[in-house]
Amino acid sequence: MSDSFFDHGQKPESKPLPEELPGPENQGSDAPTSDDRRMAALMAYIPFLCFVPLLRMRSDPYVYFHARQGLVLFFVEIVAFIFSFPHLSQLFWSAIIIGCIGAAVAGIMFAIQGKKHKIPVIGDIADRLRI
């Protein structure tokens, strides 16, 4: 299956998601190294960069898991930023932004450790996405 941007809606193959990163003996010759996979998963939680692993490493279940969560988190951050202007429930939306930053930091820590951990609420929404 191609990782091309122009796949016309093709979905990645349905594979069971590993809980930990597989060792080098389980990776093909063209598969990214564990460090590359972790870096791509880390990038998923950085605003605007979440699209890179989503589009470039879509066939990797570990990276795809983190990319979907990062995308949902990014959209929540955008909505929270828009509504954080004065007179629009500033305190509430500021708390949402702080929560998103905390969730992004947690996602980065899990990505660095090579673990898959669902961020509460964000992970459930990401699982429902058909992207």
N, C-alpha and C. Protein backbone atom coordinates (compact mmCIF):
# COMPACT_ATOMS: atom_id res chain seq x y z
N MET A 1 0.84 -1.17 0.00
CA MET A 1 0.00 0.00 0.00
C MET A 1 0.89 1.24 0.00
N SER A 2 0.51 2.23 -0.70
CA SER A 2 1.29 3.46 -0.86
C SER A 2 0.98 4.45 0.25
N ASP A 3 1.99 5.24 0.64
CA ASP A 3 1.79 6.30 1.63
C ASP A 3 1.50 7.62 0.94
N SER A 4 1.09 7.57 -0.28
CA SER A 4 0.89 8.78 -1.07
C SER A 4 -0.29 9.60 -0.56
N PHE A 5 -0.17 10.90 -0.69
CA PHE A 5 -1.23 11.81 -0.30
C PHE A 5 -2.46 11.61 -1.17
N PHE A 6 -2.27 11.10 -2.38
CA PHE A 6 -3.34 10.96 -3.34
C PHE A 6 -3.88 9.54 -3.38
N ASP A 7 -4.12 8.94 -2.24
CA ASP A 7 -4.63 7.57 -2.18
C ASP A 7 -6.13 7.51 -2.42
N HIS A 8 -6.79 8.65 -2.55
CA HIS A 8 -8.22 8.74 -2.83
C HIS A 8 -9.05 7.98 -1.81
N GLY A 9 -8.77 8.26 -0.54
CA GLY A 9 -9.62 7.73 0.52
C GLY A 9 -9.30 6.32 0.94
N GLN A 10 -8.24 5.71 0.45
CA GLN A 10 -7.91 4.37 0.90
C GLN A 10 -7.49 4.43 2.35
N LYS A 11 -7.94 3.44 3.11
CA LYS A 11 -7.63 3.40 4.52
C LYS A 11 -6.47 2.45 4.74
N PRO A 12 -5.67 2.69 5.80
CA PRO A 12 -4.57 1.78 6.09
C PRO A 12 -5.09 0.40 6.45
N GLU A 13 -4.24 -0.61 6.25
CA GLU A 13 -4.63 -1.96 6.56
C GLU A 13 -4.96 -2.08 8.03
N SER A 14 -5.92 -2.92 8.34
CA SER A 14 -6.31 -3.12 9.73
C SER A 14 -5.36 -4.14 10.34
N LYS A 15 -4.49 -3.70 11.22
CA LYS A 15 -3.53 -4.55 11.90
C LYS A 15 -3.72 -4.38 13.40
N PRO A 16 -3.46 -5.42 14.16
CA PRO A 16 -3.50 -5.21 15.61
C PRO A 16 -2.39 -4.25 16.01
N LEU A 17 -2.71 -3.34 16.91
CA LEU A 17 -1.74 -2.33 17.33
C LEU A 17 -0.87 -2.89 18.45
N PRO A 18 0.46 -2.88 18.27
CA PRO A 18 1.33 -3.37 19.34
C PRO A 18 1.35 -2.40 20.50
N GLU A 19 1.52 -2.92 21.70
CA GLU A 19 1.57 -2.07 22.88
C GLU A 19 2.94 -1.42 23.02
N GLU A 20 3.98 -2.06 22.54
CA GLU A 20 5.34 -1.53 22.59
C GLU A 20 5.90 -1.54 21.18
N LEU A 21 6.96 -0.81 20.98
CA LEU A 21 7.62 -0.80 19.68
C LEU A 21 8.25 -2.16 19.42
N PRO A 22 8.09 -2.70 18.20
CA PRO A 22 8.77 -3.96 17.92
C PRO A 22 10.27 -3.74 17.78
N GLY A 23 11.03 -4.77 18.04
CA GLY A 23 12.49 -4.69 17.92
C GLY A 23 12.90 -4.66 16.46
N PRO A 24 14.18 -4.38 16.18
CA PRO A 24 14.67 -4.29 14.81
C PRO A 24 14.49 -5.59 14.04
N GLU A 25 14.45 -6.73 14.75
CA GLU A 25 14.28 -8.00 14.05
C GLU A 25 12.89 -8.13 13.43
N ASN A 26 11.91 -7.35 13.91
CA ASN A 26 10.55 -7.42 13.38
C ASN A 26 10.28 -6.38 12.31
N GLN A 27 11.24 -5.55 12.00
CA GLN A 27 11.03 -4.49 11.03
C GLN A 27 11.64 -4.88 9.69
N GLY A 28 10.98 -4.49 8.61
CA GLY A 28 11.50 -4.73 7.27
C GLY A 28 12.67 -3.81 6.99
N SER A 29 13.34 -4.05 5.88
CA SER A 29 14.52 -3.26 5.55
C SER A 29 14.17 -1.80 5.26
N ASP A 30 12.95 -1.54 4.79
CA ASP A 30 12.58 -0.17 4.48
C ASP A 30 11.78 0.48 5.62
N ALA A 31 11.59 -0.21 6.72
CA ALA A 31 10.84 0.34 7.86
C ALA A 31 11.72 1.33 8.61
N PRO A 32 11.12 2.39 9.15
CA PRO A 32 11.91 3.36 9.91
C PRO A 32 12.42 2.73 11.20
N THR A 33 13.51 3.25 11.71
CA THR A 33 14.05 2.75 12.97
C THR A 33 13.13 3.17 14.11
N SER A 34 13.36 2.59 15.27
CA SER A 34 12.55 2.93 16.44
C SER A 34 12.64 4.42 16.75
N ASP A 35 13.83 5.00 16.60
CA ASP A 35 13.99 6.42 16.87
C ASP A 35 13.18 7.26 15.88
N ASP A 36 13.14 6.86 14.62
CA ASP A 36 12.34 7.57 13.63
C ASP A 36 10.86 7.49 13.96
N ARG A 37 10.43 6.32 14.38
CA ARG A 37 9.02 6.14 14.73
C ARG A 37 8.67 6.98 15.96
N ARG A 38 9.54 7.00 16.93
CA ARG A 38 9.28 7.80 18.13
C ARG A 38 9.28 9.28 17.81
N MET A 39 10.18 9.71 16.94
CA MET A 39 10.24 11.12 16.57
C MET A 39 8.97 11.52 15.81
N ALA A 40 8.49 10.64 14.94
CA ALA A 40 7.26 10.93 14.21
C ALA A 40 6.07 10.97 15.17
N ALA A 41 6.04 10.07 16.13
CA ALA A 41 4.95 10.07 17.12
C ALA A 41 5.02 11.32 17.97
N LEU A 42 6.21 11.75 18.34
CA LEU A 42 6.39 12.98 19.11
C LEU A 42 5.89 14.17 18.31
N MET A 43 6.20 14.20 17.02
CA MET A 43 5.81 15.30 16.15
C MET A 43 4.29 15.43 16.05
N ALA A 44 3.58 14.34 16.27
CA ALA A 44 2.12 14.35 16.17
C ALA A 44 1.47 15.28 17.19
N TYR A 45 2.15 15.56 18.28
CA TYR A 45 1.57 16.39 19.34
C TYR A 45 2.00 17.84 19.27
N ILE A 46 2.76 18.20 18.25
CA ILE A 46 3.19 19.58 18.09
C ILE A 46 2.26 20.25 17.08
N PRO A 47 1.62 21.37 17.48
CA PRO A 47 0.66 22.02 16.56
C PRO A 47 1.26 22.25 15.18
N PHE A 48 0.47 22.06 14.17
CA PHE A 48 0.79 22.21 12.76
C PHE A 48 1.68 21.08 12.23
N LEU A 49 2.49 20.46 13.06
CA LEU A 49 3.33 19.36 12.60
C LEU A 49 2.62 18.02 12.67
N CYS A 50 1.42 18.00 13.25
CA CYS A 50 0.69 16.74 13.39
C CYS A 50 0.32 16.14 12.03
N PHE A 51 0.29 16.96 10.99
CA PHE A 51 -0.07 16.46 9.67
C PHE A 51 1.06 15.66 9.02
N VAL A 52 2.29 15.92 9.41
CA VAL A 52 3.44 15.24 8.79
C VAL A 52 3.38 13.73 9.04
N PRO A 53 3.32 13.27 10.30
CA PRO A 53 3.25 11.82 10.49
C PRO A 53 1.93 11.22 10.00
N LEU A 54 0.87 12.01 10.05
CA LEU A 54 -0.43 11.51 9.58
C LEU A 54 -0.39 11.18 8.10
N LEU A 55 0.30 11.99 7.32
CA LEU A 55 0.35 11.78 5.88
C LEU A 55 1.54 10.92 5.45
N ARG A 56 2.66 11.04 6.13
CA ARG A 56 3.88 10.38 5.67
C ARG A 56 4.05 8.95 6.21
N MET A 57 3.55 8.68 7.40
CA MET A 57 3.77 7.36 8.02
C MET A 57 2.45 6.71 8.39
N ARG A 58 1.51 6.85 7.53
CA ARG A 58 0.16 6.36 7.77
C ARG A 58 0.10 4.84 7.93
N SER A 59 0.99 4.12 7.31
CA SER A 59 0.94 2.66 7.37
C SER A 59 1.54 2.09 8.65
N ASP A 60 2.19 2.92 9.45
CA ASP A 60 2.77 2.47 10.71
C ASP A 60 1.72 2.62 11.82
N PRO A 61 1.22 1.53 12.38
CA PRO A 61 0.14 1.62 13.38
C PRO A 61 0.51 2.44 14.61
N TYR A 62 1.76 2.32 15.05
CA TYR A 62 2.20 3.08 16.23
C TYR A 62 2.16 4.58 15.96
N VAL A 63 2.72 5.01 14.86
CA VAL A 63 2.76 6.44 14.51
C VAL A 63 1.35 6.93 14.20
N TYR A 64 0.56 6.12 13.49
CA TYR A 64 -0.80 6.51 13.11
C TYR A 64 -1.67 6.73 14.35
N PHE A 65 -1.49 5.89 15.36
CA PHE A 65 -2.21 6.03 16.63
C PHE A 65 -1.95 7.41 17.23
N HIS A 66 -0.67 7.78 17.35
CA HIS A 66 -0.32 9.08 17.93
C HIS A 66 -0.73 10.24 17.01
N ALA A 67 -0.65 10.06 15.70
CA ALA A 67 -1.00 11.12 14.76
C ALA A 67 -2.49 11.45 14.85
N ARG A 68 -3.33 10.44 14.98
CA ARG A 68 -4.77 10.71 15.10
C ARG A 68 -5.08 11.47 16.39
N GLN A 69 -4.48 11.07 17.49
CA GLN A 69 -4.69 11.80 18.75
C GLN A 69 -4.18 13.23 18.64
N GLY A 70 -3.02 13.40 18.03
CA GLY A 70 -2.45 14.74 17.86
C GLY A 70 -3.33 15.63 17.01
N LEU A 71 -3.95 15.06 15.97
CA LEU A 71 -4.83 15.83 15.10
C LEU A 71 -6.06 16.32 15.86
N VAL A 72 -6.69 15.44 16.63
CA VAL A 72 -7.85 15.85 17.43
C VAL A 72 -7.45 16.92 18.44
N LEU A 73 -6.31 16.72 19.08
CA LEU A 73 -5.82 17.69 20.04
C LEU A 73 -5.57 19.04 19.38
N PHE A 74 -5.02 19.04 18.18
CA PHE A 74 -4.76 20.26 17.43
C PHE A 74 -6.06 21.02 17.15
N PHE A 75 -7.10 20.33 16.72
CA PHE A 75 -8.37 21.00 16.45
C PHE A 75 -9.02 21.54 17.72
N VAL A 76 -8.90 20.82 18.83
CA VAL A 76 -9.42 21.34 20.10
C VAL A 76 -8.65 22.59 20.50
N GLU A 77 -7.33 22.59 20.28
CA GLU A 77 -6.52 23.77 20.60
C GLU A 77 -6.94 24.97 19.76
N ILE A 78 -7.23 24.76 18.48
CA ILE A 78 -7.67 25.86 17.60
C ILE A 78 -8.99 26.44 18.11
N VAL A 79 -9.94 25.57 18.41
CA VAL A 79 -11.25 26.05 18.90
C VAL A 79 -11.06 26.79 20.23
N ALA A 80 -10.25 26.24 21.11
CA ALA A 80 -10.02 26.90 22.40
C ALA A 80 -9.33 28.24 22.21
N PHE A 81 -8.39 28.32 21.28
CA PHE A 81 -7.70 29.58 21.04
C PHE A 81 -8.66 30.64 20.51
N ILE A 82 -9.53 30.25 19.59
CA ILE A 82 -10.49 31.20 19.01
C ILE A 82 -11.41 31.76 20.09
N PHE A 83 -11.88 30.89 20.97
CA PHE A 83 -12.83 31.33 21.99
C PHE A 83 -12.15 31.88 23.24
N SER A 84 -10.83 31.97 23.25
CA SER A 84 -10.15 32.48 24.43
C SER A 84 -10.01 34.00 24.42
N PHE A 85 -10.50 34.64 23.39
CA PHE A 85 -10.46 36.10 23.34
C PHE A 85 -11.39 36.67 24.41
N PRO A 86 -11.13 37.90 24.84
CA PRO A 86 -11.93 38.50 25.93
C PRO A 86 -13.44 38.41 25.67
N HIS A 87 -14.18 38.27 26.75
CA HIS A 87 -15.64 38.26 26.75
C HIS A 87 -16.23 36.99 26.15
N LEU A 88 -15.45 36.00 25.91
CA LEU A 88 -15.97 34.73 25.39
C LEU A 88 -15.53 33.58 26.30
N SER A 89 -15.93 33.65 27.52
CA SER A 89 -15.60 32.62 28.51
C SER A 89 -14.10 32.38 28.58
N GLN A 90 -13.36 33.46 28.74
CA GLN A 90 -11.91 33.39 28.70
C GLN A 90 -11.33 32.41 29.72
N LEU A 91 -11.84 32.40 30.90
CA LEU A 91 -11.31 31.50 31.92
C LEU A 91 -11.51 30.05 31.52
N PHE A 92 -12.72 29.71 31.04
CA PHE A 92 -13.02 28.34 30.63
C PHE A 92 -12.10 27.88 29.51
N TRP A 93 -11.97 28.69 28.46
CA TRP A 93 -11.18 28.28 27.30
C TRP A 93 -9.69 28.31 27.59
N SER A 94 -9.27 29.17 28.49
CA SER A 94 -7.87 29.16 28.90
C SER A 94 -7.55 27.85 29.61
N ALA A 95 -8.49 27.37 30.41
CA ALA A 95 -8.31 26.08 31.07
C ALA A 95 -8.23 24.95 30.05
N ILE A 96 -9.03 25.03 28.99
CA ILE A 96 -8.98 24.03 27.93
C ILE A 96 -7.60 24.04 27.26
N ILE A 97 -7.06 25.22 26.98
CA ILE A 97 -5.74 25.31 26.35
C ILE A 97 -4.67 24.72 27.27
N ILE A 98 -4.74 25.02 28.55
CA ILE A 98 -3.77 24.47 29.50
C ILE A 98 -3.90 22.94 29.54
N GLY A 99 -5.12 22.45 29.52
CA GLY A 99 -5.35 21.00 29.47
C GLY A 99 -4.79 20.37 28.20
N CYS A 100 -4.95 21.05 27.07
CA CYS A 100 -4.41 20.56 25.80
C CYS A 100 -2.88 20.53 25.83
N ILE A 101 -2.29 21.55 26.40
CA ILE A 101 -0.82 21.56 26.50
C ILE A 101 -0.36 20.41 27.39
N GLY A 102 -1.07 20.19 28.48
CA GLY A 102 -0.72 19.06 29.35
C GLY A 102 -0.88 17.72 28.65
N ALA A 103 -1.96 17.59 27.88
CA ALA A 103 -2.18 16.35 27.12
C ALA A 103 -1.11 16.17 26.06
N ALA A 104 -0.69 17.25 25.41
CA ALA A 104 0.36 17.17 24.40
C ALA A 104 1.69 16.76 25.04
N VAL A 105 2.00 17.31 26.20
CA VAL A 105 3.22 16.93 26.91
C VAL A 105 3.17 15.45 27.30
N ALA A 106 2.01 15.00 27.79
CA ALA A 106 1.86 13.59 28.15
C ALA A 106 2.03 12.71 26.91
N GLY A 107 1.42 13.12 25.78
CA GLY A 107 1.57 12.37 24.54
C GLY A 107 3.01 12.30 24.08
N ILE A 108 3.74 13.40 24.22
CA ILE A 108 5.16 13.42 23.85
C ILE A 108 5.95 12.46 24.75
N MET A 109 5.65 12.47 26.03
CA MET A 109 6.36 11.57 26.95
C MET A 109 6.09 10.11 26.61
N PHE A 110 4.84 9.77 26.30
CA PHE A 110 4.52 8.40 25.94
C PHE A 110 5.18 8.02 24.62
N ALA A 111 5.22 8.96 23.67
CA ALA A 111 5.86 8.69 22.38
C ALA A 111 7.35 8.44 22.56
N ILE A 112 8.00 9.22 23.40
CA ILE A 112 9.44 9.05 23.66
C ILE A 112 9.70 7.69 24.30
N GLN A 113 8.80 7.26 25.19
CA GLN A 113 8.97 5.99 25.88
C GLN A 113 8.60 4.80 25.01
N GLY A 114 8.01 5.07 23.85
CA GLY A 114 7.61 3.98 22.96
C GLY A 114 6.32 3.30 23.39
N LYS A 115 5.50 4.00 24.15
CA LYS A 115 4.25 3.43 24.65
C LYS A 115 3.06 4.02 23.91
N LYS A 116 1.98 3.25 23.90
CA LYS A 116 0.71 3.74 23.36
C LYS A 116 -0.24 3.90 24.54
N HIS A 117 -0.64 5.11 24.80
CA HIS A 117 -1.56 5.38 25.90
C HIS A 117 -2.60 6.37 25.39
N LYS A 118 -3.86 6.00 25.53
CA LYS A 118 -4.92 6.90 25.08
C LYS A 118 -5.02 8.09 26.01
N ILE A 119 -5.06 9.27 25.42
CA ILE A 119 -5.34 10.47 26.18
C ILE A 119 -6.84 10.46 26.45
N PRO A 120 -7.27 10.64 27.70
CA PRO A 120 -8.71 10.62 27.98
C PRO A 120 -9.47 11.59 27.08
N VAL A 121 -10.59 11.19 26.60
CA VAL A 121 -11.49 11.92 25.71
C VAL A 121 -10.88 12.08 24.31
N ILE A 122 -9.67 12.63 24.21
CA ILE A 122 -9.02 12.85 22.92
C ILE A 122 -8.79 11.52 22.21
N GLY A 123 -8.30 10.51 22.93
CA GLY A 123 -8.05 9.20 22.33
C GLY A 123 -9.32 8.55 21.82
N ASP A 124 -10.43 8.70 22.57
CA ASP A 124 -11.70 8.13 22.13
C ASP A 124 -12.21 8.81 20.85
N ILE A 125 -12.07 10.10 20.79
CA ILE A 125 -12.48 10.82 19.57
C ILE A 125 -11.60 10.41 18.41
N ALA A 126 -10.30 10.28 18.65
CA ALA A 126 -9.36 9.89 17.59
C ALA A 126 -9.68 8.50 17.06
N ASP A 127 -10.13 7.59 17.93
CA ASP A 127 -10.49 6.24 17.50
C ASP A 127 -11.70 6.26 16.57
N ARG A 128 -12.59 7.21 16.73
CA ARG A 128 -13.80 7.27 15.92
C ARG A 128 -13.56 7.92 14.55
N LEU A 129 -12.42 8.59 14.39
CA LEU A 129 -12.15 9.27 13.11
C LEU A 129 -11.95 8.26 12.00
N ARG A 130 -12.46 8.56 10.85
CA ARG A 130 -12.30 7.71 9.67
C ARG A 130 -11.37 8.41 8.69
N ILE A 131 -10.13 8.60 9.09
CA ILE A 131 -9.17 9.28 8.22
C ILE A 131 -8.05 8.35 7.86
